[in-house]
Amino acid sequence: MKIQIIISLIFLGSFINCKNQNIEKSKTEKTIKISAVNNDDYGGSMKFESYSDSTYILTITNKRYNNKTEKFKGSCYLKNDTIYFKPVKFNFNESEKAVIKNNFIEFVDGKFPLKIEIQKNLFQSKSKLDLKKYSDYTFFTFDPKFYGIYFNYKPNSIKQYDLNQNELVEVDRILRKCFSENNSRLRSVNKYVKQCIVIINDKQEKEIWISCYCKDDFSNEYKYSLIDMSDGGNCNVHVTINLTKHNYSNFTTGGLG
């Protein structure tokens, strides 16, 4: 009987010790809270991971340089779907913050625009847009440092805006109308990817600057950064949609290069 009691006590002690070790281990182990990845068929890959201990790691692999890998590390915290980099700026492009939007992490106020596509998000941030039926659309937050001069708008005359789902449906309707009315010059609208910047113009009207490129030429990279193309013919289409007036203007195609 005494032997059984001793064995039971030993077993209980081992169980408690093991449980305590697991608790201590769980306290010290950090978990991934957000993971985001860009895969460029030509340039390489970019992976951002934010951890439970308020640190992050950005890993970049460059195919053009024998898969050379660089890592950038720092500290950050999340508040209301915005990641803040403290006490030091995001050391890849010196952004002070990044916005979680439409299943992307979009780094703003940096030296250059940057978007990375979210693969895992334990914060359960809700996307304002459901892009399942509009997977060939991608959106970029207006930043006057990069886009204001490019689109020939006066400084401080416009501001960025985020579409809601109903507005996205209307944008798609107007774009399809544009393609239908110019079908002799274009391919089917479904054969293009659409890069969009949404703004409120100086007349307080909602405008969407849309650049359309043939899907054959771009697989994933169109989602991450704006394409700059001067030729391309009907594989390089630009149009402005005015949601306030429900019309389109400034329809152009690229040169034949």
Protein backbone atom coordinates (compact mmCIF):
# COMPACT_ATOMS: atom_id res chain seq x y z
CA MET A 1 0.00 0.00 0.00
CA LYS A 2 2.82 2.38 0.92
CA ILE A 3 4.58 1.57 -2.35
CA GLN A 4 1.43 2.45 -4.29
CA ILE A 5 1.16 5.79 -2.45
CA ILE A 6 4.81 6.58 -3.13
CA ILE A 7 4.44 5.74 -6.84
CA SER A 8 1.30 7.90 -7.03
CA LEU A 9 3.08 10.82 -5.39
CA ILE A 10 6.03 10.48 -7.74
CA PHE A 11 3.68 10.40 -10.74
CA LEU A 12 1.74 13.42 -9.45
CA GLY A 13 4.95 15.34 -8.81
CA SER A 14 6.22 14.57 -12.30
CA PHE A 15 2.90 15.65 -13.81
CA ILE A 16 2.92 18.96 -11.90
CA ASN A 17 6.56 19.61 -12.82
CA CYS A 18 5.87 18.86 -16.49
CA LYS A 19 2.82 21.16 -16.45
CA ASN A 20 4.83 23.97 -14.85
CA GLN A 21 7.56 23.54 -17.47
CA ASN A 22 4.97 23.80 -20.25
CA ILE A 23 3.53 26.94 -18.67
CA GLU A 24 6.98 28.51 -18.41
CA LYS A 25 7.77 27.46 -21.97
CA SER A 26 4.54 29.02 -23.26
CA LYS A 27 5.42 32.25 -21.46
CA THR A 28 8.84 32.46 -23.11
CA GLU A 29 7.92 31.28 -26.62
CA LYS A 30 6.82 34.00 -29.01
CA THR A 31 4.11 33.38 -31.56
CA ILE A 32 3.50 34.88 -34.99
CA LYS A 33 0.60 37.35 -34.83
CA ILE A 34 0.74 38.55 -38.44
CA SER A 35 2.48 36.96 -41.40
CA ALA A 36 2.52 38.57 -44.85
CA VAL A 37 4.28 37.47 -48.05
CA ASN A 38 4.95 38.88 -51.54
CA ASN A 39 6.07 36.46 -54.24
CA ASP A 40 7.44 38.11 -57.36
CA ASP A 41 8.04 35.68 -60.24
CA TYR A 42 11.07 37.67 -61.35
CA GLY A 43 12.55 39.55 -58.43
CA GLY A 44 12.12 37.18 -55.49
CA SER A 45 10.12 37.18 -52.27
CA MET A 46 9.42 39.38 -49.27
CA LYS A 47 8.11 38.09 -45.92
CA PHE A 48 7.01 40.19 -42.93
CA GLU A 49 6.30 38.58 -39.55
CA SER A 50 5.11 40.37 -36.41
CA TYR A 51 5.41 38.49 -33.10
CA SER A 52 3.66 38.37 -29.74
CA ASP A 53 6.67 40.00 -28.05
CA SER A 54 6.19 43.17 -30.18
CA THR A 55 9.07 42.43 -32.52
CA TYR A 56 9.10 41.92 -36.28
CA ILE A 57 11.35 40.43 -38.95
CA LEU A 58 11.30 41.33 -42.64
CA THR A 59 13.05 38.75 -44.84
CA ILE A 60 13.87 39.57 -48.46
CA THR A 61 15.17 37.01 -50.95
CA ASN A 62 16.48 38.42 -54.24
CA LYS A 63 16.44 36.07 -57.23
CA ARG A 64 18.49 38.47 -59.33
CA TYR A 65 21.44 38.09 -56.96
CA ASN A 66 21.63 34.30 -56.49
CA ASN A 67 18.79 34.27 -53.92
CA LYS A 68 20.66 36.62 -51.61
CA THR A 69 18.74 37.00 -48.33
CA GLU A 70 18.53 40.11 -46.16
CA LYS A 71 16.77 40.48 -42.81
CA PHE A 72 15.47 43.65 -41.15
CA LYS A 73 14.43 43.56 -37.48
CA GLY A 74 12.73 45.93 -35.07
CA SER A 75 9.84 46.61 -32.70
CA CYS A 76 6.19 47.42 -33.38
CA TYR A 77 2.71 47.32 -31.86
CA LEU A 78 -0.82 47.15 -33.27
CA LYS A 79 -3.66 49.58 -32.53
CA ASN A 80 -6.97 49.80 -34.45
CA ASP A 81 -5.71 47.96 -37.55
CA THR A 82 -2.57 50.10 -37.68
CA ILE A 83 0.94 48.83 -36.95
CA TYR A 84 3.19 51.44 -35.33
CA PHE A 85 6.97 51.09 -35.45
CA LYS A 86 8.46 52.28 -32.18
CA PRO A 87 10.91 53.49 -31.02
CA VAL A 88 12.59 53.20 -34.46
CA LYS A 89 10.96 53.54 -37.87
CA PHE A 90 10.46 50.46 -40.06
CA ASN A 91 14.05 50.16 -41.18
CA PHE A 92 13.40 48.95 -44.74
CA ASN A 93 11.67 52.08 -46.07
CA GLU A 94 11.52 54.20 -42.87
CA SER A 95 7.73 54.08 -42.48
CA GLU A 96 6.42 55.10 -39.08
CA LYS A 97 3.29 52.98 -39.48
CA ALA A 98 1.52 50.43 -41.66
CA VAL A 99 -2.21 50.03 -42.25
CA ILE A 100 -3.95 46.65 -42.41
CA LYS A 101 -6.38 47.01 -45.30
CA ASN A 102 -8.11 44.57 -47.69
CA ASN A 103 -5.86 41.68 -46.60
CA PHE A 104 -2.65 43.67 -47.14
CA ILE A 105 -0.20 45.42 -44.87
CA GLU A 106 0.39 48.80 -46.51
CA PHE A 107 3.38 50.74 -45.23
CA VAL A 108 2.74 54.49 -45.37
CA ASP A 109 4.74 57.70 -44.94
CA GLY A 110 7.95 55.94 -45.94
CA LYS A 111 10.60 56.66 -48.56
CA PHE A 112 8.71 54.55 -51.08
CA PRO A 113 5.30 52.76 -51.20
CA LEU A 114 5.17 49.15 -50.02
CA LYS A 115 2.38 46.56 -49.77
CA ILE A 116 2.69 42.97 -48.50
CA GLU A 117 -0.14 40.41 -48.75
CA ILE A 118 -1.37 38.92 -45.46
CA GLN A 119 -1.28 35.13 -45.11
CA LYS A 120 -2.05 34.89 -41.39
CA ASN A 121 -3.63 37.42 -39.02
CA LEU A 122 -4.44 36.46 -35.44
CA PHE A 123 -5.86 39.94 -34.82
CA GLN A 124 -8.81 39.06 -37.08
CA SER A 125 -8.86 42.45 -38.77
CA LYS A 126 -11.90 42.88 -40.98
CA SER A 127 -11.46 43.88 -44.62
CA LYS A 128 -13.65 46.72 -45.79
CA LEU A 129 -13.87 45.17 -49.26
CA ASP A 130 -14.73 41.62 -50.26
CA LEU A 131 -12.58 41.03 -53.35
CA LYS A 132 -13.53 37.42 -54.07
CA LYS A 133 -15.49 38.45 -57.15
CA TYR A 134 -13.01 41.24 -57.93
CA SER A 135 -9.71 39.42 -57.52
CA ASP A 136 -8.11 41.24 -60.46
CA TYR A 137 -8.55 44.59 -58.67
CA THR A 138 -5.92 45.95 -56.31
CA PHE A 139 -5.93 49.25 -54.38
CA PHE A 140 -3.19 51.65 -53.36
CA THR A 141 -3.60 54.33 -50.71
CA PHE A 142 -3.09 57.81 -52.15
CA ASP A 143 0.13 59.45 -50.97
CA PRO A 144 0.84 62.95 -52.37
CA LYS A 145 4.60 62.33 -52.15
CA PHE A 146 4.39 59.66 -54.83
CA TYR A 147 1.13 60.07 -56.73
CA GLY A 148 0.09 63.74 -56.52
CA ILE A 149 2.54 65.07 -59.10
CA TYR A 150 2.26 61.93 -61.22
CA PHE A 151 -1.47 62.50 -61.74
CA ASN A 152 -1.07 66.28 -62.31
CA TYR A 153 -3.03 67.42 -59.27
CA LYS A 154 -2.19 70.52 -57.30
CA PRO A 155 -0.63 69.96 -53.87
CA ASN A 156 -3.06 69.74 -50.94
CA SER A 157 -6.07 69.74 -53.28
CA ILE A 158 -7.02 66.08 -52.84
CA LYS A 159 -7.10 63.42 -50.15
CA GLN A 160 -7.25 59.66 -50.01
CA TYR A 161 -10.51 57.72 -49.70
CA ASP A 162 -11.47 54.07 -49.14
CA LEU A 163 -14.29 52.51 -51.14
CA ASN A 164 -17.09 50.51 -49.55
CA GLN A 165 -18.48 47.37 -51.18
CA ASN A 166 -21.37 49.06 -52.99
CA GLU A 167 -18.99 51.64 -54.44
CA LEU A 168 -16.70 48.87 -55.68
CA VAL A 169 -19.64 47.28 -57.49
CA GLU A 170 -20.41 50.64 -59.12
CA VAL A 171 -16.78 51.15 -60.14
CA ASP A 172 -16.75 47.76 -61.81
CA ARG A 173 -20.01 48.56 -63.64
CA ILE A 174 -18.67 51.84 -65.01
CA LEU A 175 -15.36 50.27 -66.02
CA ARG A 176 -17.18 47.53 -67.91
CA LYS A 177 -19.23 50.22 -69.66
CA CYS A 178 -16.01 51.97 -70.66
CA PHE A 179 -14.59 48.75 -72.14
CA SER A 180 -17.84 47.98 -73.92
CA GLU A 181 -17.98 51.44 -75.52
CA ASN A 182 -14.35 51.13 -76.65
CA ASN A 183 -14.34 47.42 -77.47
CA SER A 184 -12.80 47.90 -80.92
CA ARG A 185 -9.61 49.11 -79.23
CA LEU A 186 -9.50 46.79 -76.23
CA ARG A 187 -9.51 43.19 -75.13
CA SER A 188 -12.20 41.80 -72.83
CA VAL A 189 -12.20 43.61 -69.49
CA ASN A 190 -11.74 40.25 -67.73
CA LYS A 191 -8.31 39.88 -69.35
CA TYR A 192 -6.88 42.84 -67.45
CA VAL A 193 -5.63 43.45 -63.92
CA LYS A 194 -6.79 46.77 -62.44
CA GLN A 195 -4.62 48.98 -60.24
CA CYS A 196 -6.70 51.63 -58.45
CA ILE A 197 -6.05 54.77 -56.43
CA VAL A 198 -9.16 56.29 -54.81
CA ILE A 199 -9.30 59.97 -53.89
CA ILE A 200 -11.57 62.89 -53.05
CA ASN A 201 -10.78 65.59 -55.61
CA ASP A 202 -10.73 69.37 -55.17
CA LYS A 203 -14.49 69.47 -55.93
CA GLN A 204 -15.16 66.95 -53.15
CA GLU A 205 -16.02 64.27 -55.71
CA LYS A 206 -14.97 60.62 -55.40
CA GLU A 207 -12.55 59.65 -58.14
CA ILE A 208 -10.80 56.40 -58.96
CA TRP A 209 -7.66 56.41 -61.07
CA ILE A 210 -7.51 53.01 -62.75
CA SER A 211 -4.63 51.53 -64.75
CA CYS A 212 -5.39 48.25 -66.54
CA TYR A 213 -2.73 45.82 -67.79
CA CYS A 214 -3.00 42.51 -69.62
CA LYS A 215 -3.03 39.55 -67.23
CA ASP A 216 -0.66 37.66 -69.53
CA ASP A 217 2.10 40.11 -68.65
CA PHE A 218 1.63 40.24 -64.86
CA SER A 219 0.90 37.41 -62.44
CA ASN A 220 1.34 38.57 -58.83
CA GLU A 221 3.52 41.66 -58.82
CA TYR A 222 0.70 44.00 -59.91
CA LYS A 223 -0.78 43.66 -56.40
CA TYR A 224 2.31 44.99 -54.68
CA SER A 225 3.42 48.13 -56.53
CA LEU A 226 2.23 50.46 -59.29
CA ILE A 227 3.30 49.51 -62.81
CA ASP A 228 5.02 52.20 -64.86
CA MET A 229 4.59 51.51 -68.59
CA SER A 230 4.81 54.01 -71.44
CA ASP A 231 3.98 51.69 -74.35
CA GLY A 232 2.03 48.42 -74.53
CA GLY A 233 -0.86 49.48 -76.76
CA ASN A 234 -4.15 48.00 -75.55
CA CYS A 235 -2.29 46.20 -72.76
CA ASN A 236 -1.79 49.58 -71.08
CA VAL A 237 -5.15 51.27 -70.42
CA HIS A 238 -5.89 54.25 -68.17
CA VAL A 239 -9.22 55.74 -67.17
CA THR A 240 -10.64 57.99 -64.43
CA ILE A 241 -13.98 57.03 -62.89
CA ASN A 242 -16.05 59.66 -61.09
CA LEU A 243 -18.34 57.98 -58.58
CA THR A 244 -20.12 61.20 -57.75
CA LYS A 245 -21.10 61.77 -61.37
CA HIS A 246 -21.23 58.05 -62.24
CA ASN A 247 -19.17 58.46 -65.38
CA TYR A 248 -15.67 57.99 -66.75
CA SER A 249 -13.13 60.25 -68.46
CA ASN A 250 -9.45 60.52 -69.45
CA PHE A 251 -9.57 57.19 -71.30
CA THR A 252 -6.19 56.46 -72.94
CA THR A 253 -4.11 53.51 -74.12
CA GLY A 254 -0.37 53.14 -74.36
CA GLY A 255 1.76 53.64 -77.44
CA LEU A 256 2.88 50.70 -79.57
CA GLY A 257 6.53 51.09 -78.60
